[in-house]
Amino acid sequence: MVTYGRVIKFPNLPTLQVTKHSENIPLTGAGVQFLIKRVAGSVADVTVSTVEMTFDVRVGRVSSILDQITHRAKRQHLLRDRRGRETLYIGSKISPWQVRIYQKTKSIVRIEFIFRKAFLLRHEIHRVEDVLMLRKLKIWNLISFRRFSRRRAERVTRDWPNKELREVIVDWVVYKRAIQSLVKMLSRNRVDPRRVLRRTTLQRTLEAMQRRFLW
């Protein structure tokens, strides 16, 4: 999609905005640069305002991975349509970053990061070529897929003076409590949640996919 027109009253807005989607072939920096050059000719300044980075994984349904998700966002919201398809929103539309997890096909779930201007600037992603930095960016500090380890929980809480709290942590999954609530409780007690939560197979797969990111 190409949006264009004269901008007089708002000089801080770009005179041209280009949106590209990659559904059939991978989107590359070279392809973006080529399109911009063909559409706009010689342009003095090209900046990136939003990036959507997607991972398609074969895990069945969204609900099958809900109990693995940990994240740093303040809010999350799960929606279901009339056909029972689920979409999980982590973060909000005005957040610097947001994640959408939804059913793409019957067996494929798409995990989609939306990185907005504030996030991109914070990580020095300004121009088209800078998007390649997403290959090594620590995006899994924002959201991660983890599983509870009772052995790790016992080791971490072994010297806690509060016996009741220690038992709550150790028996966390017995009572089917949300893993995100455990993250908050561990953080409040100054424990890095990664000391108790192991990476899942899905998490390892996503990390490998990020390392192969092409641009």
N, C-alpha and C. Protein backbone atom coordinates (compact mmCIF):
# COMPACT_ATOMS: atom_id res chain seq x y z
N MET A 1 0.84 -1.19 0.00
CA MET A 1 0.00 0.00 0.00
C MET A 1 0.88 1.23 0.00
N VAL A 2 0.60 2.17 -0.86
CA VAL A 2 1.35 3.42 -0.94
C VAL A 2 0.40 4.58 -0.67
N THR A 3 0.73 5.40 0.32
CA THR A 3 -0.07 6.57 0.66
C THR A 3 0.76 7.80 0.34
N TYR A 4 0.19 8.71 -0.36
CA TYR A 4 0.97 9.88 -0.74
C TYR A 4 0.07 11.12 -0.82
N GLY A 5 0.68 12.27 -0.87
CA GLY A 5 -0.04 13.54 -0.97
C GLY A 5 0.76 14.66 -0.34
N ARG A 6 0.35 15.85 -0.60
CA ARG A 6 1.07 17.00 -0.06
C ARG A 6 0.78 17.16 1.42
N VAL A 7 1.83 17.43 2.20
CA VAL A 7 1.70 17.65 3.63
C VAL A 7 2.20 19.06 3.92
N ILE A 8 1.27 19.95 4.23
CA ILE A 8 1.63 21.35 4.43
C ILE A 8 1.57 21.75 5.90
N LYS A 9 0.47 21.41 6.56
CA LYS A 9 0.26 21.85 7.94
C LYS A 9 1.09 21.05 8.94
N PHE A 10 1.53 19.87 8.55
CA PHE A 10 2.26 19.00 9.49
C PHE A 10 3.59 18.61 8.86
N PRO A 11 4.58 19.50 8.96
CA PRO A 11 5.88 19.22 8.32
C PRO A 11 6.63 18.05 8.92
N ASN A 12 6.23 17.61 10.15
CA ASN A 12 6.92 16.48 10.77
C ASN A 12 6.44 15.14 10.21
N LEU A 13 5.37 15.14 9.46
CA LEU A 13 4.86 13.91 8.87
C LEU A 13 5.56 13.63 7.54
N PRO A 14 5.78 12.35 7.22
CA PRO A 14 6.44 12.03 5.95
C PRO A 14 5.53 12.34 4.77
N THR A 15 6.14 12.71 3.66
CA THR A 15 5.36 13.00 2.45
C THR A 15 4.92 11.72 1.75
N LEU A 16 5.53 10.62 2.10
CA LEU A 16 5.19 9.34 1.47
C LEU A 16 5.31 8.22 2.49
N GLN A 17 4.32 7.34 2.50
CA GLN A 17 4.35 6.19 3.41
C GLN A 17 4.14 4.92 2.60
N VAL A 18 5.02 3.96 2.80
CA VAL A 18 4.96 2.70 2.07
C VAL A 18 4.76 1.55 3.06
N THR A 19 3.78 0.69 2.78
CA THR A 19 3.54 -0.50 3.59
C THR A 19 3.66 -1.73 2.71
N LYS A 20 4.55 -2.67 3.09
CA LYS A 20 4.72 -3.89 2.31
C LYS A 20 4.39 -5.10 3.17
N HIS A 21 3.72 -6.07 2.56
CA HIS A 21 3.38 -7.32 3.24
C HIS A 21 4.07 -8.48 2.53
N SER A 22 4.51 -9.46 3.29
CA SER A 22 5.15 -10.64 2.71
C SER A 22 4.31 -11.87 3.03
N GLU A 23 3.57 -12.35 2.05
CA GLU A 23 2.74 -13.53 2.23
C GLU A 23 3.25 -14.71 1.41
N ASN A 24 3.70 -14.43 0.18
CA ASN A 24 4.12 -15.51 -0.72
C ASN A 24 5.64 -15.70 -0.75
N ILE A 25 6.39 -14.62 -0.63
CA ILE A 25 7.85 -14.69 -0.63
C ILE A 25 8.38 -13.84 0.52
N PRO A 26 9.58 -14.14 1.03
CA PRO A 26 10.13 -13.34 2.14
C PRO A 26 10.34 -11.88 1.73
N LEU A 27 10.07 -11.00 2.65
CA LEU A 27 10.33 -9.58 2.44
C LEU A 27 11.78 -9.30 2.78
N THR A 28 12.47 -8.58 1.92
CA THR A 28 13.89 -8.28 2.14
C THR A 28 14.14 -6.79 2.10
N GLY A 29 15.25 -6.38 2.70
CA GLY A 29 15.63 -4.98 2.66
C GLY A 29 15.88 -4.50 1.25
N ALA A 30 16.48 -5.37 0.44
CA ALA A 30 16.75 -5.00 -0.95
C ALA A 30 15.45 -4.75 -1.71
N GLY A 31 14.44 -5.60 -1.45
CA GLY A 31 13.14 -5.43 -2.11
C GLY A 31 12.46 -4.13 -1.71
N VAL A 32 12.55 -3.80 -0.43
CA VAL A 32 11.96 -2.55 0.06
C VAL A 32 12.65 -1.35 -0.56
N GLN A 33 13.98 -1.37 -0.56
CA GLN A 33 14.73 -0.27 -1.13
C GLN A 33 14.42 -0.11 -2.62
N PHE A 34 14.29 -1.22 -3.32
CA PHE A 34 13.98 -1.19 -4.74
C PHE A 34 12.62 -0.55 -5.00
N LEU A 35 11.61 -0.95 -4.20
CA LEU A 35 10.27 -0.39 -4.37
C LEU A 35 10.27 1.11 -4.12
N ILE A 36 10.92 1.52 -3.03
CA ILE A 36 10.95 2.95 -2.69
C ILE A 36 11.60 3.75 -3.81
N LYS A 37 12.67 3.21 -4.35
CA LYS A 37 13.37 3.92 -5.43
C LYS A 37 12.50 4.03 -6.67
N ARG A 38 11.75 2.95 -7.00
CA ARG A 38 10.92 2.97 -8.18
C ARG A 38 9.72 3.90 -8.01
N VAL A 39 9.20 3.98 -6.77
CA VAL A 39 8.02 4.81 -6.51
C VAL A 39 8.39 6.27 -6.33
N ALA A 40 9.44 6.52 -5.54
CA ALA A 40 9.75 7.90 -5.14
C ALA A 40 10.99 8.48 -5.81
N GLY A 41 11.73 7.64 -6.52
CA GLY A 41 12.96 8.15 -7.12
C GLY A 41 14.02 8.39 -6.07
N SER A 42 14.73 9.48 -6.20
CA SER A 42 15.78 9.81 -5.24
C SER A 42 15.16 10.46 -4.01
N VAL A 43 15.28 9.77 -2.86
CA VAL A 43 14.70 10.26 -1.61
C VAL A 43 15.83 10.56 -0.63
N ALA A 44 15.76 11.73 0.00
CA ALA A 44 16.83 12.14 0.90
C ALA A 44 16.81 11.38 2.22
N ASP A 45 15.62 11.04 2.71
CA ASP A 45 15.54 10.45 4.05
C ASP A 45 14.46 9.38 4.08
N VAL A 46 14.84 8.15 4.41
CA VAL A 46 13.90 7.03 4.53
C VAL A 46 14.03 6.46 5.93
N THR A 47 12.95 6.40 6.67
CA THR A 47 12.97 5.85 8.03
C THR A 47 11.90 4.77 8.17
N VAL A 48 12.09 3.90 9.17
CA VAL A 48 11.16 2.81 9.44
C VAL A 48 10.27 3.22 10.62
N SER A 49 8.96 3.11 10.46
CA SER A 49 8.05 3.51 11.53
C SER A 49 7.45 2.33 12.28
N THR A 50 7.24 1.19 11.60
CA THR A 50 6.65 0.00 12.22
C THR A 50 7.19 -1.24 11.53
N VAL A 51 7.45 -2.26 12.33
CA VAL A 51 7.89 -3.55 11.78
C VAL A 51 7.05 -4.65 12.42
N GLU A 52 6.56 -5.57 11.59
CA GLU A 52 5.88 -6.75 12.09
C GLU A 52 6.75 -7.96 11.78
N MET A 53 7.15 -8.68 12.81
CA MET A 53 8.03 -9.83 12.67
C MET A 53 7.25 -11.07 13.10
N THR A 54 7.11 -12.04 12.18
CA THR A 54 6.22 -13.17 12.44
C THR A 54 6.97 -14.50 12.48
N PHE A 55 6.41 -15.41 13.28
CA PHE A 55 6.93 -16.78 13.39
C PHE A 55 5.73 -17.72 13.25
N ASP A 56 5.75 -18.60 12.29
CA ASP A 56 4.69 -19.59 12.12
C ASP A 56 5.18 -20.93 12.65
N VAL A 57 4.44 -21.49 13.61
CA VAL A 57 4.86 -22.74 14.26
C VAL A 57 3.70 -23.73 14.25
N ARG A 58 4.06 -24.99 14.13
CA ARG A 58 3.06 -26.06 14.09
C ARG A 58 2.83 -26.59 15.51
N VAL A 59 1.87 -25.99 16.19
CA VAL A 59 1.59 -26.40 17.58
C VAL A 59 0.12 -26.72 17.80
N GLY A 60 -0.67 -26.77 16.73
CA GLY A 60 -2.09 -27.06 16.89
C GLY A 60 -2.89 -25.81 17.16
N ARG A 61 -3.39 -25.66 18.37
CA ARG A 61 -4.23 -24.52 18.71
C ARG A 61 -3.50 -23.54 19.64
N VAL A 62 -3.98 -22.31 19.64
CA VAL A 62 -3.40 -21.29 20.51
C VAL A 62 -3.51 -21.73 21.98
N SER A 63 -4.64 -22.31 22.33
CA SER A 63 -4.86 -22.71 23.72
C SER A 63 -3.83 -23.73 24.21
N SER A 64 -3.20 -24.46 23.29
CA SER A 64 -2.23 -25.48 23.69
C SER A 64 -0.93 -24.88 24.22
N ILE A 65 -0.70 -23.60 23.97
CA ILE A 65 0.54 -22.98 24.45
C ILE A 65 0.29 -21.84 25.44
N LEU A 66 -0.96 -21.61 25.79
CA LEU A 66 -1.28 -20.50 26.70
C LEU A 66 -0.59 -20.65 28.05
N ASP A 67 -0.50 -21.88 28.54
CA ASP A 67 0.10 -22.08 29.87
C ASP A 67 1.62 -22.03 29.85
N GLN A 68 2.22 -21.75 28.68
CA GLN A 68 3.68 -21.64 28.58
C GLN A 68 4.16 -20.20 28.50
N ILE A 69 3.23 -19.27 28.34
CA ILE A 69 3.61 -17.89 28.01
C ILE A 69 3.96 -17.07 29.25
N THR A 70 5.11 -16.43 29.21
CA THR A 70 5.47 -15.41 30.19
C THR A 70 5.82 -14.15 29.42
N HIS A 71 5.54 -12.99 29.99
CA HIS A 71 5.82 -11.75 29.27
C HIS A 71 5.97 -10.58 30.23
N ARG A 72 6.43 -9.46 29.68
CA ARG A 72 6.68 -8.25 30.48
C ARG A 72 5.62 -7.19 30.26
N ALA A 73 4.61 -7.48 29.48
CA ALA A 73 3.56 -6.49 29.21
C ALA A 73 2.65 -6.34 30.42
N LYS A 74 1.94 -5.21 30.48
CA LYS A 74 1.03 -4.96 31.59
C LYS A 74 -0.34 -5.61 31.39
N ARG A 75 -0.64 -5.96 30.14
CA ARG A 75 -1.97 -6.51 29.90
C ARG A 75 -1.93 -7.55 28.80
N GLN A 76 -2.89 -8.46 28.87
CA GLN A 76 -3.10 -9.44 27.81
C GLN A 76 -4.59 -9.71 27.69
N HIS A 77 -5.01 -10.08 26.49
CA HIS A 77 -6.44 -10.24 26.26
C HIS A 77 -6.65 -11.36 25.24
N LEU A 78 -7.47 -12.34 25.58
CA LEU A 78 -7.75 -13.47 24.70
C LEU A 78 -9.14 -13.32 24.09
N LEU A 79 -9.23 -13.42 22.78
CA LEU A 79 -10.50 -13.33 22.06
C LEU A 79 -10.78 -14.64 21.32
N ARG A 80 -12.05 -14.98 21.19
CA ARG A 80 -12.47 -16.13 20.38
C ARG A 80 -13.58 -15.69 19.45
N ASP A 81 -13.48 -16.07 18.19
CA ASP A 81 -14.54 -15.71 17.25
C ASP A 81 -15.61 -16.79 17.25
N ARG A 82 -16.60 -16.65 16.39
CA ARG A 82 -17.73 -17.58 16.38
C ARG A 82 -17.34 -18.99 15.98
N ARG A 83 -16.23 -19.11 15.29
CA ARG A 83 -15.76 -20.43 14.86
C ARG A 83 -14.80 -21.05 15.86
N GLY A 84 -14.61 -20.36 16.99
CA GLY A 84 -13.75 -20.90 18.04
C GLY A 84 -12.28 -20.59 17.87
N ARG A 85 -11.91 -19.81 16.85
CA ARG A 85 -10.51 -19.46 16.65
C ARG A 85 -10.08 -18.41 17.67
N GLU A 86 -8.89 -18.60 18.21
CA GLU A 86 -8.42 -17.76 19.31
C GLU A 86 -7.33 -16.79 18.86
N THR A 87 -7.34 -15.61 19.46
CA THR A 87 -6.28 -14.63 19.25
C THR A 87 -5.92 -14.05 20.61
N LEU A 88 -4.64 -14.14 20.96
CA LEU A 88 -4.15 -13.58 22.21
C LEU A 88 -3.38 -12.30 21.91
N TYR A 89 -3.78 -11.20 22.56
CA TYR A 89 -3.08 -9.93 22.42
C TYR A 89 -2.28 -9.69 23.70
N ILE A 90 -0.99 -9.47 23.54
CA ILE A 90 -0.12 -9.15 24.66
C ILE A 90 0.41 -7.74 24.43
N GLY A 91 0.12 -6.83 25.37
CA GLY A 91 0.40 -5.42 25.15
C GLY A 91 -0.80 -4.75 24.50
N SER A 92 -0.72 -3.45 24.29
CA SER A 92 -1.85 -2.70 23.73
C SER A 92 -1.46 -2.07 22.40
N LYS A 93 -2.46 -1.47 21.74
CA LYS A 93 -2.24 -0.84 20.44
C LYS A 93 -1.34 0.39 20.53
N ILE A 94 -1.20 0.94 21.72
CA ILE A 94 -0.37 2.14 21.87
C ILE A 94 0.96 1.83 22.56
N SER A 95 1.20 0.56 22.83
CA SER A 95 2.47 0.18 23.46
C SER A 95 3.60 0.23 22.44
N PRO A 96 4.84 0.46 22.89
CA PRO A 96 5.98 0.44 21.97
C PRO A 96 6.11 -0.90 21.24
N TRP A 97 5.71 -1.98 21.91
CA TRP A 97 5.72 -3.30 21.27
C TRP A 97 4.46 -4.05 21.67
N GLN A 98 4.06 -4.96 20.82
CA GLN A 98 2.87 -5.76 21.07
C GLN A 98 3.07 -7.11 20.41
N VAL A 99 2.43 -8.14 20.95
CA VAL A 99 2.49 -9.47 20.35
C VAL A 99 1.07 -9.98 20.12
N ARG A 100 0.84 -10.51 18.92
CA ARG A 100 -0.43 -11.18 18.61
C ARG A 100 -0.13 -12.64 18.35
N ILE A 101 -0.90 -13.51 18.97
CA ILE A 101 -0.76 -14.94 18.76
C ILE A 101 -2.11 -15.45 18.29
N TYR A 102 -2.17 -15.98 17.08
CA TYR A 102 -3.48 -16.36 16.55
C TYR A 102 -3.38 -17.58 15.64
N GLN A 103 -4.55 -18.17 15.38
CA GLN A 103 -4.65 -19.36 14.56
C GLN A 103 -4.60 -18.98 13.09
N LYS A 104 -3.50 -19.32 12.42
CA LYS A 104 -3.38 -19.00 11.01
C LYS A 104 -4.05 -20.07 10.15
N THR A 105 -3.77 -21.33 10.45
CA THR A 105 -4.45 -22.45 9.78
C THR A 105 -4.86 -23.44 10.87
N LYS A 106 -5.37 -24.57 10.46
CA LYS A 106 -5.84 -25.56 11.42
C LYS A 106 -4.73 -26.03 12.35
N SER A 107 -3.50 -26.13 11.84
CA SER A 107 -2.40 -26.64 12.66
C SER A 107 -1.29 -25.63 12.90
N ILE A 108 -1.36 -24.47 12.25
CA ILE A 108 -0.31 -23.46 12.35
C ILE A 108 -0.77 -22.28 13.20
N VAL A 109 0.06 -21.92 14.17
CA VAL A 109 -0.17 -20.74 15.00
C VAL A 109 0.88 -19.69 14.63
N ARG A 110 0.43 -18.46 14.44
CA ARG A 110 1.36 -17.37 14.12
C ARG A 110 1.63 -16.54 15.37
N ILE A 111 2.90 -16.34 15.67
CA ILE A 111 3.34 -15.47 16.75
C ILE A 111 3.91 -14.22 16.09
N GLU A 112 3.25 -13.10 16.29
CA GLU A 112 3.55 -11.89 15.53
C GLU A 112 3.94 -10.74 16.47
N PHE A 113 5.17 -10.27 16.31
CA PHE A 113 5.64 -9.10 17.06
C PHE A 113 5.32 -7.85 16.25
N ILE A 114 4.83 -6.81 16.93
CA ILE A 114 4.65 -5.51 16.31
C ILE A 114 5.56 -4.53 17.04
N PHE A 115 6.56 -4.04 16.34
CA PHE A 115 7.51 -3.09 16.91
C PHE A 115 7.19 -1.71 16.36
N ARG A 116 6.82 -0.78 17.24
CA ARG A 116 6.44 0.56 16.80
C ARG A 116 7.60 1.53 16.96
N LYS A 117 7.35 2.76 16.54
CA LYS A 117 8.41 3.75 16.41
C LYS A 117 9.25 3.90 17.68
N ALA A 118 8.61 4.01 18.84
CA ALA A 118 9.35 4.22 20.08
C ALA A 118 10.29 3.05 20.36
N PHE A 119 9.82 1.84 20.13
CA PHE A 119 10.66 0.66 20.34
C PHE A 119 11.83 0.64 19.36
N LEU A 120 11.55 0.92 18.10
CA LEU A 120 12.60 0.90 17.08
C LEU A 120 13.67 1.94 17.36
N LEU A 121 13.25 3.14 17.76
CA LEU A 121 14.22 4.19 18.07
C LEU A 121 15.08 3.80 19.26
N ARG A 122 14.46 3.19 20.27
CA ARG A 122 15.19 2.78 21.48
C ARG A 122 16.30 1.78 21.15
N HIS A 123 16.07 0.99 20.11
CA HIS A 123 17.07 -0.02 19.73
C HIS A 123 17.82 0.38 18.47
N GLU A 124 17.79 1.67 18.16
CA GLU A 124 18.57 2.26 17.07
C GLU A 124 18.26 1.63 15.72
N ILE A 125 17.00 1.31 15.52
CA ILE A 125 16.54 0.83 14.22
C ILE A 125 15.82 2.00 13.54
N HIS A 126 16.54 2.69 12.68
CA HIS A 126 16.02 3.91 12.05
C HIS A 126 15.73 3.70 10.57
N ARG A 127 16.65 3.06 9.89
CA ARG A 127 16.56 2.95 8.44
C ARG A 127 16.25 1.52 8.01
N VAL A 128 15.97 1.36 6.74
CA VAL A 128 15.56 0.05 6.23
C VAL A 128 16.61 -1.01 6.55
N GLU A 129 17.88 -0.70 6.34
CA GLU A 129 18.93 -1.69 6.56
C GLU A 129 19.08 -2.07 8.04
N ASP A 130 18.64 -1.19 8.94
CA ASP A 130 18.77 -1.46 10.38
C ASP A 130 17.86 -2.58 10.85
N VAL A 131 16.83 -2.90 10.06
CA VAL A 131 15.89 -3.96 10.45
C VAL A 131 16.61 -5.29 10.63
N LEU A 132 17.74 -5.47 9.97
CA LEU A 132 18.52 -6.70 10.12
C LEU A 132 18.94 -6.93 11.57
N MET A 133 18.98 -5.86 12.38
CA MET A 133 19.37 -5.99 13.78
C MET A 133 18.40 -6.84 14.57
N LEU A 134 17.18 -7.02 14.05
CA LEU A 134 16.20 -7.86 14.74
C LEU A 134 16.67 -9.31 14.86
N ARG A 135 17.62 -9.70 14.03
CA ARG A 135 18.13 -11.07 14.10
C ARG A 135 18.76 -11.36 15.46
N LYS A 136 19.38 -10.36 16.07
CA LYS A 136 20.08 -10.58 17.34
C LYS A 136 19.45 -9.84 18.52
N LEU A 137 18.37 -9.13 18.27
CA LEU A 137 17.73 -8.39 19.35
C LEU A 137 17.13 -9.35 20.39
N LYS A 138 17.20 -8.99 21.66
CA LYS A 138 16.73 -9.87 22.72
C LYS A 138 15.21 -9.76 22.89
N ILE A 139 14.49 -10.17 21.85
CA ILE A 139 13.03 -10.07 21.89
C ILE A 139 12.42 -11.08 22.85
N TRP A 140 13.16 -12.13 23.20
CA TRP A 140 12.60 -13.14 24.09
C TRP A 140 12.69 -12.72 25.56
N ASN A 141 13.22 -11.53 25.80
CA ASN A 141 13.09 -10.93 27.13
C ASN A 141 11.71 -10.29 27.28
N LEU A 142 11.03 -10.04 26.15
CA LEU A 142 9.70 -9.45 26.18
C LEU A 142 8.64 -10.53 26.40
N ILE A 143 8.80 -11.63 25.70
CA ILE A 143 7.86 -12.75 25.83
C ILE A 143 8.66 -14.04 25.67
N SER A 144 8.27 -15.04 26.41
CA SER A 144 9.00 -16.30 26.36
C SER A 144 8.05 -17.45 26.64
N PHE A 145 8.43 -18.64 26.20
CA PHE A 145 7.61 -19.83 26.40
C PHE A 145 8.38 -20.78 27.32
N ARG A 146 7.83 -20.97 28.51
CA ARG A 146 8.55 -21.67 29.57
C ARG A 146 7.69 -22.76 30.21
N ARG A 147 8.37 -23.67 30.89
CA ARG A 147 7.66 -24.69 31.67
C ARG A 147 8.23 -24.73 33.08
N PHE A 148 7.38 -25.07 34.01
CA PHE A 148 7.75 -25.08 35.42
C PHE A 148 8.65 -26.27 35.74
N SER A 149 9.67 -26.02 36.57
CA SER A 149 10.55 -27.08 37.03
C SER A 149 10.46 -27.16 38.56
N ARG A 150 9.86 -28.22 39.05
CA ARG A 150 9.72 -28.38 40.50
C ARG A 150 11.08 -28.47 41.18
N ARG A 151 12.00 -29.19 40.54
CA ARG A 151 13.34 -29.34 41.13
C ARG A 151 14.02 -27.98 41.27
N ARG A 152 13.91 -27.15 40.25
CA ARG A 152 14.50 -25.81 40.33
C ARG A 152 13.81 -24.98 41.42
N ALA A 153 12.48 -25.10 41.50
CA ALA A 153 11.74 -24.34 42.51
C ALA A 153 12.18 -24.73 43.91
N GLU A 154 12.37 -26.02 44.13
CA GLU A 154 12.82 -26.48 45.45
C GLU A 154 14.20 -25.94 45.77
N ARG A 155 15.07 -25.91 44.79
CA ARG A 155 16.43 -25.42 45.01
C ARG A 155 16.44 -23.92 45.30
N VAL A 156 15.66 -23.17 44.56
CA VAL A 156 15.64 -21.72 44.73
C VAL A 156 15.04 -21.31 46.07
N THR A 157 14.02 -22.02 46.52
CA THR A 157 13.29 -21.62 47.74
C THR A 157 13.77 -22.36 48.98
N ARG A 158 14.79 -23.15 48.86
CA ARG A 158 15.24 -24.02 49.96
C ARG A 158 15.52 -23.25 51.26
N ASP A 159 16.08 -22.06 51.15
CA ASP A 159 16.45 -21.30 52.34
C ASP A 159 15.45 -20.19 52.68
N TRP A 160 14.28 -20.21 52.05
CA TRP A 160 13.28 -19.18 52.37
C TRP A 160 12.72 -19.43 53.77
N PRO A 161 12.64 -18.40 54.60
CA PRO A 161 12.11 -18.59 55.96
C PRO A 161 10.60 -18.81 55.99
N ASN A 162 9.90 -18.32 54.97
CA ASN A 162 8.45 -18.46 54.92
C ASN A 162 8.08 -19.81 54.32
N LYS A 163 7.74 -20.76 55.17
CA LYS A 163 7.45 -22.11 54.72
C LYS A 163 6.22 -22.17 53.83
N GLU A 164 5.17 -21.41 54.20
CA GLU A 164 3.93 -21.43 53.42
C GLU A 164 4.18 -20.93 52.00
N LEU A 165 4.94 -19.84 51.87
CA LEU A 165 5.24 -19.30 50.55
C LEU A 165 6.08 -20.28 49.74
N ARG A 166 7.01 -20.94 50.42
CA ARG A 166 7.86 -21.92 49.74
C ARG A 166 7.01 -23.06 49.18
N GLU A 167 6.04 -23.51 49.95
CA GLU A 167 5.18 -24.60 49.49
C GLU A 167 4.30 -24.16 48.32
N VAL A 168 3.86 -22.92 48.36
CA VAL A 168 3.05 -22.39 47.26
C VAL A 168 3.83 -22.43 45.95
N ILE A 169 5.08 -22.01 46.01
CA ILE A 169 5.93 -21.98 44.81
C ILE A 169 6.20 -23.39 44.31
N VAL A 170 6.59 -24.28 45.20
CA VAL A 170 6.96 -25.64 44.82
C VAL A 170 5.78 -26.40 44.22
N ASP A 171 4.58 -26.17 44.76
CA ASP A 171 3.38 -26.89 44.29
C ASP A 171 2.56 -26.06 43.30
N TRP A 172 3.21 -25.15 42.62
CA TRP A 172 2.49 -24.20 41.77
C TRP A 172 1.61 -24.88 40.73
N VAL A 173 2.14 -25.81 39.98
CA VAL A 173 1.38 -26.41 38.89
C VAL A 173 0.36 -27.43 39.39
N VAL A 174 0.53 -27.89 40.62
CA VAL A 174 -0.43 -28.86 41.16
C VAL A 174 -1.83 -28.26 41.18
N TYR A 175 -1.90 -26.96 41.46
CA TYR A 175 -3.20 -26.28 41.55
C TYR A 175 -3.53 -25.51 40.26
N LYS A 176 -2.77 -25.81 39.19
CA LYS A 176 -3.03 -25.26 37.85
C LYS A 176 -3.09 -23.74 37.84
N ARG A 177 -2.15 -23.13 38.57
CA ARG A 177 -2.08 -21.67 38.58
C ARG A 177 -1.38 -21.17 37.33
N ALA A 178 -1.69 -19.95 36.93
CA ALA A 178 -1.11 -19.37 35.73
C ALA A 178 0.38 -19.13 35.91
N ILE A 179 1.17 -19.47 34.89
CA ILE A 179 2.61 -19.31 34.97
C ILE A 179 3.01 -17.84 35.01
N GLN A 180 2.18 -16.98 34.40
CA GLN A 180 2.48 -15.54 34.43
C GLN A 180 2.38 -14.99 35.85
N SER A 181 1.46 -15.53 36.65
CA SER A 181 1.35 -15.11 38.05
C SER A 181 2.56 -15.55 38.84
N LEU A 182 3.11 -16.71 38.49
CA LEU A 182 4.32 -17.19 39.16
C LEU A 182 5.49 -16.26 38.86
N VAL A 183 5.59 -15.80 37.63
CA VAL A 183 6.65 -14.86 37.26
C VAL A 183 6.59 -13.62 38.14
N LYS A 184 5.40 -13.09 38.33
CA LYS A 184 5.24 -11.89 39.15
C LYS A 184 5.62 -12.15 40.61
N MET A 185 5.22 -13.31 41.12
CA MET A 185 5.52 -13.64 42.51
C MET A 185 7.03 -13.81 42.72
N LEU A 186 7.68 -14.49 41.80
CA LEU A 186 9.12 -14.67 41.90
C LEU A 186 9.85 -13.34 41.81
N SER A 187 9.40 -12.48 40.92
CA SER A 187 10.03 -11.17 40.76
C SER A 187 9.88 -10.34 42.02
N ARG A 188 8.70 -10.41 42.65
CA ARG A 188 8.49 -9.66 43.90
C ARG A 188 9.42 -10.15 45.00
N ASN A 189 9.81 -11.41 44.92
CA ASN A 189 10.73 -11.97 45.92
C ASN A 189 12.18 -11.97 45.42
N ARG A 190 12.43 -11.13 44.41
CA ARG A 190 13.79 -10.91 43.89
C ARG A 190 14.44 -12.19 43.36
N VAL A 191 13.64 -12.99 42.69
CA VAL A 191 14.14 -14.21 42.07
C VAL A 191 13.92 -14.10 40.57
N ASP A 192 14.97 -14.29 39.81
CA ASP A 192 14.85 -14.31 38.35
C ASP A 192 14.01 -15.52 37.96
N PRO A 193 12.85 -15.31 37.31
CA PRO A 193 11.97 -16.44 36.96
C PRO A 193 12.66 -17.51 36.14
N ARG A 194 13.70 -17.16 35.41
CA ARG A 194 14.41 -18.15 34.60
C ARG A 194 15.13 -19.19 35.44
N ARG A 195 15.30 -18.89 36.73
CA ARG A 195 15.92 -19.87 37.62
C ARG A 195 14.95 -21.00 37.96
N VAL A 196 13.66 -20.79 37.73
CA VAL A 196 12.63 -21.78 38.04
C VAL A 196 11.99 -22.33 36.76
N LEU A 197 11.94 -21.52 35.71
CA LEU A 197 11.24 -21.89 34.49
C LEU A 197 12.22 -22.26 33.38
N ARG A 198 12.05 -23.45 32.82
CA ARG A 198 12.90 -23.90 31.74
C ARG A 198 12.34 -23.47 30.38
N ARG A 199 13.20 -23.33 29.41
CA ARG A 199 12.74 -23.06 28.05
C ARG A 199 12.05 -24.29 27.48
N THR A 200 10.95 -24.08 26.80
CA THR A 200 10.24 -25.18 26.16
C THR A 200 10.87 -25.48 24.80
N THR A 201 10.45 -26.59 24.19
CA THR A 201 10.89 -26.91 22.84
C THR A 201 10.47 -25.81 21.87
N LEU A 202 9.28 -25.27 22.08
CA LEU A 202 8.81 -24.18 21.23
C LEU A 202 9.73 -22.97 21.34
N GLN A 203 10.15 -22.64 22.53
CA GLN A 203 11.04 -21.49 22.73
C GLN A 203 12.36 -21.70 21.99
N ARG A 204 12.91 -22.88 22.08
CA ARG A 204 14.17 -23.16 21.39
C ARG A 204 13.99 -23.06 19.87
N THR A 205 12.85 -23.51 19.39
CA THR A 205 12.57 -23.43 17.96
C THR A 205 12.47 -21.98 17.51
N LEU A 206 11.79 -21.14 18.28
CA LEU A 206 11.65 -19.73 17.94
C LEU A 206 13.00 -19.02 17.93
N GLU A 207 13.84 -19.34 18.88
CA GLU A 207 15.18 -18.73 18.93
C GLU A 207 16.00 -19.11 17.70
N ALA A 208 15.87 -20.36 17.27
CA ALA A 208 16.59 -20.81 16.07
C ALA A 208 16.04 -20.10 14.84
N MET A 209 14.73 -19.89 14.78
CA MET A 209 14.12 -19.19 13.66
C MET A 209 14.60 -17.74 13.60
N GLN A 210 14.72 -17.11 14.75
CA GLN A 210 15.20 -15.73 14.77
C GLN A 210 16.64 -15.64 14.26
N ARG A 211 17.47 -16.61 14.62
CA ARG A 211 18.86 -16.60 14.18
C ARG A 211 18.98 -16.75 12.67
N ARG A 212 17.94 -17.32 12.02
CA ARG A 212 17.96 -17.50 10.57
C ARG A 212 17.23 -16.37 9.85
N PHE A 213 16.88 -15.33 10.57
CA PHE A 213 16.15 -14.21 9.98
C PHE A 213 16.95 -13.59 8.83
N LEU A 214 16.30 -13.47 7.68
CA LEU A 214 16.94 -12.87 6.50
C LEU A 214 16.30 -11.52 6.21
N TRP A 215 17.12 -10.60 5.73
CA TRP A 215 16.59 -9.27 5.40
C TRP A 215 17.33 -8.69 4.21
